Amino acid sequence: MKNKNNSSIPKDTDTPVLLNHSDAALDLRIQLGHELRKILIQKRLKQRELAIILAVQQPEVSHLFNGHFNRFTIDRLVQFFNRLGWIVKFQVYPCDFD
C-alpha cells in the first residue's frame, strides 16, 4: 500500500494522523520498519550477515532495506528489534477529537 506521495515510507512520520484500523496498523509498521532500517544501516553488515542475526532469508532483509515494511507483521518487526538487542515499547493514551 502506498501513501499519498506514492512511496512506502512517509516523509513526515512525526505528524499525528487520525487513521482507520487498517491504516493505523500499516502506519505503525511503516514507523517500526523505518526505525529498524536505520539500525540495520548503522550496523554496516552485509545482508547475508543480517539475515543470520534476524533468522530470516536474505531476500527478507532486502525487503527491509527497500522499505517494503507492509510485507511484515508488527509482531515480526518487534522480533527483529529484539534479535538486534532493542526493546520496543508502545504508548497508549486517549486522543482529543476536535
PDB file of N, CA and C in Angstrom:
ATOM      1  N   MET A   1       0.840  -1.177   0.000  1.00  0.00           N
ATOM      2  CA  MET A   1       0.000   0.000   0.000  1.00  0.00           C
ATOM      3  C   MET A   1       0.881   1.234   0.000  1.00  0.00           C
ATOM      4  N   LYS A   2       0.558   2.201  -0.815  1.00  0.00           N
ATOM      5  CA  LYS A   2       1.347   3.424  -0.946  1.00  0.00           C
ATOM      6  C   LYS A   2       0.651   4.552  -0.195  1.00  0.00           C
ATOM      7  N   ASN A   3       1.450   5.538   0.232  1.00  0.00           N
ATOM      8  CA  ASN A   3       0.845   6.699   0.853  1.00  0.00           C
ATOM      9  C   ASN A   3       0.568   7.744  -0.218  1.00  0.00           C
ATOM     10  N   LYS A   4       0.155   8.944   0.161  1.00  0.00           N
ATOM     11  CA  LYS A   4      -0.194   9.986  -0.793  1.00  0.00           C
ATOM     12  C   LYS A   4       0.958  10.373  -1.702  1.00  0.00           C
ATOM     13  N   ASN A   5       2.187  10.203  -1.249  1.00  0.00           N
ATOM     14  CA  ASN A   5       3.355  10.572  -2.041  1.00  0.00           C
ATOM     15  C   ASN A   5       3.829   9.439  -2.940  1.00  0.00           C
ATOM     16  N   ASN A   6       3.046   8.333  -3.019  1.00  0.00           N
ATOM     17  CA  ASN A   6       3.391   7.152  -3.817  1.00  0.00           C
ATOM     18  C   ASN A   6       4.708   6.522  -3.390  1.00  0.00           C
ATOM     19  N   SER A   7       5.022   6.564  -2.125  1.00  0.00           N
ATOM     20  CA  SER A   7       6.226   5.912  -1.617  1.00  0.00           C
ATOM     21  C   SER A   7       5.840   5.034  -0.436  1.00  0.00           C
ATOM     22  N   SER A   8       6.707   4.095  -0.106  1.00  0.00           N
ATOM     23  CA  SER A   8       6.416   3.195   1.010  1.00  0.00           C
ATOM     24  C   SER A   8       6.678   3.856   2.349  1.00  0.00           C
ATOM     25  N   ILE A   9       7.586   4.825   2.391  1.00  0.00           N
ATOM     26  CA  ILE A   9       7.965   5.480   3.636  1.00  0.00           C
ATOM     27  C   ILE A   9       7.436   6.907   3.617  1.00  0.00           C
ATOM     28  N   PRO A  10       6.606   7.289   4.605  1.00  0.00           N
ATOM     29  CA  PRO A  10       6.103   8.659   4.614  1.00  0.00           C
ATOM     30  C   PRO A  10       7.222   9.650   4.890  1.00  0.00           C
ATOM     31  N   LYS A  11       7.088  10.851   4.311  1.00  0.00           N
ATOM     32  CA  LYS A  11       8.123  11.867   4.501  1.00  0.00           C
ATOM     33  C   LYS A  11       8.161  12.350   5.938  1.00  0.00           C
ATOM     34  N   ASP A  12       6.998  12.524   6.557  1.00  0.00           N
ATOM     35  CA  ASP A  12       6.934  13.038   7.923  1.00  0.00           C
ATOM     36  C   ASP A  12       6.238  12.025   8.810  1.00  0.00           C
ATOM     37  N   THR A  13       7.010  11.203   9.532  1.00  0.00           N
ATOM     38  CA  THR A  13       6.412  10.178  10.387  1.00  0.00           C
ATOM     39  C   THR A  13       6.081  10.707  11.780  1.00  0.00           C
ATOM     40  N   ASP A  14       6.396  11.981  12.063  1.00  0.00           N
ATOM     41  CA  ASP A  14       6.130  12.530  13.386  1.00  0.00           C
ATOM     42  C   ASP A  14       4.758  13.198  13.470  1.00  0.00           C
ATOM     43  N   THR A  15       4.073  13.372  12.352  1.00  0.00           N
ATOM     44  CA  THR A  15       2.793  14.042  12.343  1.00  0.00           C
ATOM     45  C   THR A  15       1.685  13.083  12.739  1.00  0.00           C
ATOM     46  N   PRO A  16       0.962  13.381  13.854  1.00  0.00           N
ATOM     47  CA  PRO A  16      -0.135  12.500  14.236  1.00  0.00           C
ATOM     48  C   PRO A  16      -1.282  12.632  13.239  1.00  0.00           C
ATOM     49  N   VAL A  17      -1.848  11.513  12.836  1.00  0.00           N
ATOM     50  CA  VAL A  17      -2.935  11.495  11.866  1.00  0.00           C
ATOM     51  C   VAL A  17      -3.998  10.534  12.373  1.00  0.00           C
ATOM     52  N   LEU A  18      -5.265  10.901  12.210  1.00  0.00           N
ATOM     53  CA  LEU A  18      -6.348  10.003  12.585  1.00  0.00           C
ATOM     54  C   LEU A  18      -6.515   8.990  11.458  1.00  0.00           C
ATOM     55  N   LEU A  19      -6.409   7.721  11.788  1.00  0.00           N
ATOM     56  CA  LEU A  19      -6.461   6.670  10.782  1.00  0.00           C
ATOM     57  C   LEU A  19      -7.507   5.634  11.148  1.00  0.00           C
ATOM     58  N   ASN A  20      -8.027   4.940  10.129  1.00  0.00           N
ATOM     59  CA  ASN A  20      -8.896   3.808  10.449  1.00  0.00           C
ATOM     60  C   ASN A  20      -8.017   2.652  10.889  1.00  0.00           C
ATOM     61  N   HIS A  21      -8.623   1.545  11.302  1.00  0.00           N
ATOM     62  CA  HIS A  21      -7.874   0.432  11.896  1.00  0.00           C
ATOM     63  C   HIS A  21      -6.777  -0.099  10.969  1.00  0.00           C
ATOM     64  N   SER A  22      -7.100  -0.399   9.715  1.00  0.00           N
ATOM     65  CA  SER A  22      -6.092  -0.983   8.821  1.00  0.00           C
ATOM     66  C   SER A  22      -5.003   0.024   8.483  1.00  0.00           C
ATOM     67  N   ASP A  23      -5.365   1.300   8.323  1.00  0.00           N
ATOM     68  CA  ASP A  23      -4.357   2.322   8.055  1.00  0.00           C
ATOM     69  C   ASP A  23      -3.455   2.531   9.261  1.00  0.00           C
ATOM     70  N   ALA A  24      -4.013   2.441  10.475  1.00  0.00           N
ATOM     71  CA  ALA A  24      -3.215   2.611  11.692  1.00  0.00           C
ATOM     72  C   ALA A  24      -2.188   1.497  11.814  1.00  0.00           C
ATOM     73  N   ALA A  25      -2.572   0.262  11.490  1.00  0.00           N
ATOM     74  CA  ALA A  25      -1.632  -0.859  11.551  1.00  0.00           C
ATOM     75  C   ALA A  25      -0.526  -0.677  10.522  1.00  0.00           C
ATOM     76  N   LEU A  26      -0.884  -0.231   9.330  1.00  0.00           N
ATOM     77  CA  LEU A  26       0.121  -0.008   8.295  1.00  0.00           C
ATOM     78  C   LEU A  26       1.056   1.122   8.705  1.00  0.00           C
ATOM     79  N   ASP A  27       0.500   2.199   9.269  1.00  0.00           N
ATOM     80  CA  ASP A  27       1.322   3.321   9.710  1.00  0.00           C
ATOM     81  C   ASP A  27       2.310   2.874  10.784  1.00  0.00           C
ATOM     82  N   LEU A  28       1.862   2.037  11.710  1.00  0.00           N
ATOM     83  CA  LEU A  28       2.746   1.536  12.758  1.00  0.00           C
ATOM     84  C   LEU A  28       3.855   0.675  12.159  1.00  0.00           C
ATOM     85  N   ARG A  29       3.505  -0.165  11.197  1.00  0.00           N
ATOM     86  CA  ARG A  29       4.530  -0.983  10.535  1.00  0.00           C
ATOM     87  C   ARG A  29       5.542  -0.110   9.817  1.00  0.00           C
ATOM     88  N   ILE A  30       5.086   0.956   9.188  1.00  0.00           N
ATOM     89  CA  ILE A  30       5.996   1.864   8.481  1.00  0.00           C
ATOM     90  C   ILE A  30       6.931   2.542   9.473  1.00  0.00           C
ATOM     91  N   GLN A  31       6.392   3.001  10.597  1.00  0.00           N
ATOM     92  CA  GLN A  31       7.237   3.650  11.607  1.00  0.00           C
ATOM     93  C   GLN A  31       8.261   2.677  12.180  1.00  0.00           C
ATOM     94  N   LEU A  32       7.807   1.474  12.536  1.00  0.00           N
ATOM     95  CA  LEU A  32       8.727   0.466  13.064  1.00  0.00           C
ATOM     96  C   LEU A  32       9.766   0.080  12.010  1.00  0.00           C
ATOM     97  N   GLY A  33       9.315  -0.125  10.797  1.00  0.00           N
ATOM     98  CA  GLY A  33      10.221  -0.506   9.718  1.00  0.00           C
ATOM     99  C   GLY A  33      11.268   0.548   9.435  1.00  0.00           C
ATOM    100  N   HIS A  34      10.860   1.801   9.467  1.00  0.00           N
ATOM    101  CA  HIS A  34      11.799   2.893   9.224  1.00  0.00           C
ATOM    102  C   HIS A  34      12.890   2.921  10.300  1.00  0.00           C
ATOM    103  N   GLU A  35      12.490   2.759  11.559  1.00  0.00           N
ATOM    104  CA  GLU A  35      13.470   2.728  12.655  1.00  0.00           C
ATOM    105  C   GLU A  35      14.378   1.508  12.552  1.00  0.00           C
ATOM    106  N   LEU A  36      13.797   0.373  12.208  1.00  0.00           N
ATOM    107  CA  LEU A  36      14.577  -0.847  12.052  1.00  0.00           C
ATOM    108  C   LEU A  36      15.594  -0.700  10.929  1.00  0.00           C
ATOM    109  N   ARG A  37      15.174  -0.128   9.832  1.00  0.00           N
ATOM    110  CA  ARG A  37      16.063   0.090   8.688  1.00  0.00           C
ATOM    111  C   ARG A  37      17.259   0.956   9.090  1.00  0.00           C
ATOM    112  N   LYS A  38      17.013   2.005   9.874  1.00  0.00           N
ATOM    113  CA  LYS A  38      18.116   2.869  10.328  1.00  0.00           C
ATOM    114  C   LYS A  38      19.127   2.078  11.154  1.00  0.00           C
ATOM    115  N   ILE A  39      18.622   1.201  12.026  1.00  0.00           N
ATOM    116  CA  ILE A  39      19.507   0.381  12.860  1.00  0.00           C
ATOM    117  C   ILE A  39      20.315  -0.577  11.990  1.00  0.00           C
ATOM    118  N   LEU A  40      19.664  -1.203  11.030  1.00  0.00           N
ATOM    119  CA  LEU A  40      20.352  -2.140  10.141  1.00  0.00           C
ATOM    120  C   LEU A  40      21.459  -1.439   9.352  1.00  0.00           C
ATOM    121  N   ILE A  41      21.191  -0.242   8.878  1.00  0.00           N
ATOM    122  CA  ILE A  41      22.193   0.523   8.125  1.00  0.00           C
ATOM    123  C   ILE A  41      23.376   0.861   9.025  1.00  0.00           C
ATOM    124  N   GLN A  42      23.099   1.257  10.266  1.00  0.00           N
ATOM    125  CA  GLN A  42      24.176   1.612  11.204  1.00  0.00           C
ATOM    126  C   GLN A  42      25.082   0.427  11.516  1.00  0.00           C
ATOM    127  N   LYS A  43      24.541  -0.785  11.429  1.00  0.00           N
ATOM    128  CA  LYS A  43      25.343  -1.980  11.731  1.00  0.00           C
ATOM    129  C   LYS A  43      26.432  -2.213  10.683  1.00  0.00           C
ATOM    130  N   ARG A  44      26.239  -1.711   9.478  1.00  0.00           N
ATOM    131  CA  ARG A  44      27.221  -1.849   8.391  1.00  0.00           C
ATOM    132  C   ARG A  44      27.626  -3.293   8.139  1.00  0.00           C
ATOM    133  N   LEU A  45      26.626  -4.178   8.172  1.00  0.00           N
ATOM    134  CA  LEU A  45      26.859  -5.592   7.884  1.00  0.00           C
ATOM    135  C   LEU A  45      26.256  -5.922   6.525  1.00  0.00           C
ATOM    136  N   LYS A  46      26.722  -7.008   5.954  1.00  0.00           N
ATOM    137  CA  LYS A  46      26.146  -7.477   4.697  1.00  0.00           C
ATOM    138  C   LYS A  46      24.769  -8.054   4.974  1.00  0.00           C
ATOM    139  N   GLN A  47      23.924  -8.040   3.954  1.00  0.00           N
ATOM    140  CA  GLN A  47      22.570  -8.560   4.125  1.00  0.00           C
ATOM    141  C   GLN A  47      22.566 -10.017   4.556  1.00  0.00           C
ATOM    142  N   ARG A  48      23.515 -10.791   4.075  1.00  0.00           N
ATOM    143  CA  ARG A  48      23.622 -12.193   4.493  1.00  0.00           C
ATOM    144  C   ARG A  48      23.860 -12.294   5.992  1.00  0.00           C
ATOM    145  N   GLU A  49      24.738 -11.441   6.510  1.00  0.00           N
ATOM    146  CA  GLU A  49      25.050 -11.445   7.944  1.00  0.00           C
ATOM    147  C   GLU A  49      23.836 -11.005   8.763  1.00  0.00           C
ATOM    148  N   LEU A  50      23.136  -9.990   8.277  1.00  0.00           N
ATOM    149  CA  LEU A  50      21.938  -9.522   8.973  1.00  0.00           C
ATOM    150  C   LEU A  50      20.849 -10.582   8.952  1.00  0.00           C
ATOM    151  N   ALA A  51      20.755 -11.312   7.858  1.00  0.00           N
ATOM    152  CA  ALA A  51      19.752 -12.387   7.759  1.00  0.00           C
ATOM    153  C   ALA A  51      19.984 -13.441   8.833  1.00  0.00           C
ATOM    154  N   ILE A  52      21.232 -13.750   9.115  1.00  0.00           N
ATOM    155  CA  ILE A  52      21.549 -14.734  10.157  1.00  0.00           C
ATOM    156  C   ILE A  52      21.110 -14.209  11.526  1.00  0.00           C
ATOM    157  N   ILE A  53      21.418 -12.948  11.790  1.00  0.00           N
ATOM    158  CA  ILE A  53      21.040 -12.340  13.074  1.00  0.00           C
ATOM    159  C   ILE A  53      19.520 -12.304  13.227  1.00  0.00           C
ATOM    160  N   LEU A  54      18.814 -11.940  12.158  1.00  0.00           N
ATOM    161  CA  LEU A  54      17.361 -11.809  12.210  1.00  0.00           C
ATOM    162  C   LEU A  54      16.633 -13.136  12.027  1.00  0.00           C
ATOM    163  N   ALA A  55      17.373 -14.187  11.693  1.00  0.00           N
ATOM    164  CA  ALA A  55      16.810 -15.523  11.473  1.00  0.00           C
ATOM    165  C   ALA A  55      15.797 -15.529  10.322  1.00  0.00           C
ATOM    166  N   VAL A  56      16.193 -14.887   9.219  1.00  0.00           N
ATOM    167  CA  VAL A  56      15.368 -14.849   8.008  1.00  0.00           C
ATOM    168  C   VAL A  56      16.259 -15.124   6.802  1.00  0.00           C
ATOM    169  N   GLN A  57      15.647 -15.261   5.646  1.00  0.00           N
ATOM    170  CA  GLN A  57      16.397 -15.388   4.403  1.00  0.00           C
ATOM    171  C   GLN A  57      16.848 -14.003   3.946  1.00  0.00           C
ATOM    172  N   GLN A  58      17.911 -13.953   3.180  1.00  0.00           N
ATOM    173  CA  GLN A  58      18.466 -12.680   2.707  1.00  0.00           C
ATOM    174  C   GLN A  58      17.450 -11.808   1.964  1.00  0.00           C
ATOM    175  N   PRO A  59      16.555 -12.373   1.122  1.00  0.00           N
ATOM    176  CA  PRO A  59      15.578 -11.505   0.444  1.00  0.00           C
ATOM    177  C   PRO A  59      14.678 -10.721   1.406  1.00  0.00           C
ATOM    178  N   GLU A  60      14.412 -11.300   2.583  1.00  0.00           N
ATOM    179  CA  GLU A  60      13.608 -10.580   3.575  1.00  0.00           C
ATOM    180  C   GLU A  60      14.352  -9.344   4.080  1.00  0.00           C
ATOM    181  N   VAL A  61      15.661  -9.451   4.241  1.00  0.00           N
ATOM    182  CA  VAL A  61      16.472  -8.300   4.650  1.00  0.00           C
ATOM    183  C   VAL A  61      16.430  -7.247   3.545  1.00  0.00           C
ATOM    184  N   SER A  62      16.494  -7.688   2.317  1.00  0.00           N
ATOM    185  CA  SER A  62      16.404  -6.772   1.184  1.00  0.00           C
ATOM    186  C   SER A  62      15.089  -6.002   1.215  1.00  0.00           C
ATOM    187  N   HIS A  63      13.991  -6.680   1.548  1.00  0.00           N
ATOM    188  CA  HIS A  63      12.694  -6.001   1.650  1.00  0.00           C
ATOM    189  C   HIS A  63      12.738  -4.914   2.717  1.00  0.00           C
ATOM    190  N   LEU A  64      13.401  -5.188   3.824  1.00  0.00           N
ATOM    191  CA  LEU A  64      13.525  -4.173   4.878  1.00  0.00           C
ATOM    192  C   LEU A  64      14.320  -2.968   4.383  1.00  0.00           C
ATOM    193  N   PHE A  65      15.424  -3.224   3.698  1.00  0.00           N
ATOM    194  CA  PHE A  65      16.249  -2.129   3.190  1.00  0.00           C
ATOM    195  C   PHE A  65      15.515  -1.306   2.135  1.00  0.00           C
ATOM    196  N   ASN A  66      14.628  -1.955   1.388  1.00  0.00           N
ATOM    197  CA  ASN A  66      13.908  -1.266   0.321  1.00  0.00           C
ATOM    198  C   ASN A  66      12.592  -0.644   0.771  1.00  0.00           C
ATOM    199  N   GLY A  67      12.312  -0.716   2.069  1.00  0.00           N
ATOM    200  CA  GLY A  67      11.129  -0.051   2.610  1.00  0.00           C
ATOM    201  C   GLY A  67       9.825  -0.783   2.372  1.00  0.00           C
ATOM    202  N   HIS A  68       9.866  -2.065   2.103  1.00  0.00           N
ATOM    203  CA  HIS A  68       8.654  -2.854   1.896  1.00  0.00           C
ATOM    204  C   HIS A  68       8.163  -3.428   3.224  1.00  0.00           C
ATOM    205  N   PHE A  69       7.851  -2.534   4.150  1.00  0.00           N
ATOM    206  CA  PHE A  69       7.511  -2.935   5.509  1.00  0.00           C
ATOM    207  C   PHE A  69       6.147  -3.601   5.606  1.00  0.00           C
ATOM    208  N   ASN A  70       5.272  -3.358   4.629  1.00  0.00           N
ATOM    209  CA  ASN A  70       3.942  -3.958   4.678  1.00  0.00           C
ATOM    210  C   ASN A  70       3.996  -5.472   4.466  1.00  0.00           C
ATOM    211  N   ARG A  71       5.143  -6.015   4.125  1.00  0.00           N
ATOM    212  CA  ARG A  71       5.329  -7.460   3.967  1.00  0.00           C
ATOM    213  C   ARG A  71       5.486  -8.161   5.322  1.00  0.00           C
ATOM    214  N   PHE A  72       5.635  -7.391   6.403  1.00  0.00           N
ATOM    215  CA  PHE A  72       5.897  -7.941   7.730  1.00  0.00           C
ATOM    216  C   PHE A  72       4.777  -7.553   8.684  1.00  0.00           C
ATOM    217  N   THR A  73       4.497  -8.430   9.622  1.00  0.00           N
ATOM    218  CA  THR A  73       3.536  -8.087  10.677  1.00  0.00           C
ATOM    219  C   THR A  73       4.249  -7.226  11.723  1.00  0.00           C
ATOM    220  N   ILE A  74       3.458  -6.575  12.529  1.00  0.00           N
ATOM    221  CA  ILE A  74       4.024  -5.778  13.622  1.00  0.00           C
ATOM    222  C   ILE A  74       4.807  -6.686  14.561  1.00  0.00           C
ATOM    223  N   ASP A  75       4.264  -7.863  14.864  1.00  0.00           N
ATOM    224  CA  ASP A  75       4.952  -8.821  15.741  1.00  0.00           C
ATOM    225  C   ASP A  75       6.314  -9.199  15.181  1.00  0.00           C
ATOM    226  N   ARG A  76       6.373  -9.432  13.885  1.00  0.00           N
ATOM    227  CA  ARG A  76       7.634  -9.843  13.247  1.00  0.00           C
ATOM    228  C   ARG A  76       8.667  -8.713  13.334  1.00  0.00           C
ATOM    229  N   LEU A  77       8.237  -7.491  13.100  1.00  0.00           N
ATOM    230  CA  LEU A  77       9.158  -6.352  13.199  1.00  0.00           C
ATOM    231  C   LEU A  77       9.688  -6.209  14.628  1.00  0.00           C
ATOM    232  N   VAL A  78       8.818  -6.406  15.612  1.00  0.00           N
ATOM    233  CA  VAL A  78       9.243  -6.334  17.014  1.00  0.00           C
ATOM    234  C   VAL A  78      10.254  -7.446  17.305  1.00  0.00           C
ATOM    235  N   GLN A  79      10.041  -8.636  16.757  1.00  0.00           N
ATOM    236  CA  GLN A  79      11.013  -9.723  16.919  1.00  0.00           C
ATOM    237  C   GLN A  79      12.373  -9.332  16.353  1.00  0.00           C
ATOM    238  N   PHE A  80      12.387  -8.653  15.213  1.00  0.00           N
ATOM    239  CA  PHE A  80      13.652  -8.219  14.619  1.00  0.00           C
ATOM    240  C   PHE A  80      14.390  -7.267  15.562  1.00  0.00           C
ATOM    241  N   PHE A  81      13.657  -6.314  16.156  1.00  0.00           N
ATOM    242  CA  PHE A  81      14.279  -5.404  17.122  1.00  0.00           C
ATOM    243  C   PHE A  81      14.888  -6.200  18.272  1.00  0.00           C
ATOM    244  N   ASN A  82      14.135  -7.172  18.803  1.00  0.00           N
ATOM    245  CA  ASN A  82      14.626  -7.977  19.917  1.00  0.00           C
ATOM    246  C   ASN A  82      15.889  -8.734  19.546  1.00  0.00           C
ATOM    247  N   ARG A  83      15.937  -9.298  18.364  1.00  0.00           N
ATOM    248  CA  ARG A  83      17.127 -10.033  17.925  1.00  0.00           C
ATOM    249  C   ARG A  83      18.336  -9.124  17.757  1.00  0.00           C
ATOM    250  N   LEU A  84      18.074  -7.840  17.546  1.00  0.00           N
ATOM    251  CA  LEU A  84      19.163  -6.865  17.432  1.00  0.00           C
ATOM    252  C   LEU A  84      19.528  -6.247  18.778  1.00  0.00           C
ATOM    253  N   GLY A  85      18.824  -6.672  19.845  1.00  0.00           N
ATOM    254  CA  GLY A  85      19.132  -6.165  21.178  1.00  0.00           C
ATOM    255  C   GLY A  85      18.376  -4.902  21.551  1.00  0.00           C
ATOM    256  N   TRP A  86      17.272  -4.644  20.892  1.00  0.00           N
ATOM    257  CA  TRP A  86      16.458  -3.471  21.178  1.00  0.00           C
ATOM    258  C   TRP A  86      15.126  -3.904  21.783  1.00  0.00           C
ATOM    259  N   ILE A  87      14.521  -3.029  22.583  1.00  0.00           N
ATOM    260  CA  ILE A  87      13.207  -3.260  23.168  1.00  0.00           C
ATOM    261  C   ILE A  87      12.248  -2.254  22.543  1.00  0.00           C
ATOM    262  N   VAL A  88      11.081  -2.724  22.188  1.00  0.00           N
ATOM    263  CA  VAL A  88      10.048  -1.847  21.623  1.00  0.00           C
ATOM    264  C   VAL A  88       8.986  -1.632  22.687  1.00  0.00           C
ATOM    265  N   LYS A  89       8.652  -0.374  22.967  1.00  0.00           N
ATOM    266  CA  LYS A  89       7.590  -0.025  23.906  1.00  0.00           C
ATOM    267  C   LYS A  89       6.534   0.759  23.153  1.00  0.00           C
ATOM    268  N   PHE A  90       5.270   0.435  23.429  1.00  0.00           N
ATOM    269  CA  PHE A  90       4.161   1.161  22.835  1.00  0.00           C
ATOM    270  C   PHE A  90       3.504   2.005  23.906  1.00  0.00           C
ATOM    271  N   GLN A  91       3.019   3.170  23.519  1.00  0.00           N
ATOM    272  CA  GLN A  91       2.264   4.025  24.439  1.00  0.00           C
ATOM    273  C   GLN A  91       0.832   4.101  23.968  1.00  0.00           C
ATOM    274  N   VAL A  92      -0.067   3.975  24.889  1.00  0.00           N
ATOM    275  CA  VAL A  92      -1.478   4.110  24.577  1.00  0.00           C
ATOM    276  C   VAL A  92      -2.026   5.234  25.435  1.00  0.00           C
ATOM    277  N   TYR A  93      -2.692   6.194  24.787  1.00  0.00           N
ATOM    278  CA  TYR A  93      -3.253   7.314  25.514  1.00  0.00           C
ATOM    279  C   TYR A  93      -4.450   7.853  24.741  1.00  0.00           C
ATOM    280  N   PRO A  94      -5.380   8.468  25.449  1.00  0.00           N
ATOM    281  CA  PRO A  94      -6.562   8.992  24.751  1.00  0.00           C
ATOM    282  C   PRO A  94      -6.186  10.186  23.885  1.00  0.00           C
ATOM    283  N   CYS A  95      -6.848  10.296  22.766  1.00  0.00           N
ATOM    284  CA  CYS A  95      -6.593  11.467  21.933  1.00  0.00           C
ATOM    285  C   CYS A  95      -7.833  12.345  21.920  1.00  0.00           C
ATOM    286  N   ASP A  96      -7.623  13.584  21.646  1.00  0.00           N
ATOM    287  CA  ASP A  96      -8.691  14.577  21.631  1.00  0.00           C
ATOM    288  C   ASP A  96      -9.258  14.675  20.218  1.00  0.00           C
ATOM    289  N   PHE A  97     -10.535  14.399  20.068  1.00  0.00           N
ATOM    290  CA  PHE A  97     -11.188  14.521  18.756  1.00  0.00           C
ATOM    291  C   PHE A  97     -11.895  15.866  18.701  1.00  0.00           C
ATOM    292  N   ASP A  98     -11.234  16.829  18.107  1.00  0.00           N
ATOM    293  CA  ASP A  98     -11.826  18.181  17.993  1.00  0.00           C
ATOM    294  C   ASP A  98     -12.594  18.336  16.719  1.00  0.00           C
TER     295      ASP A  98
END
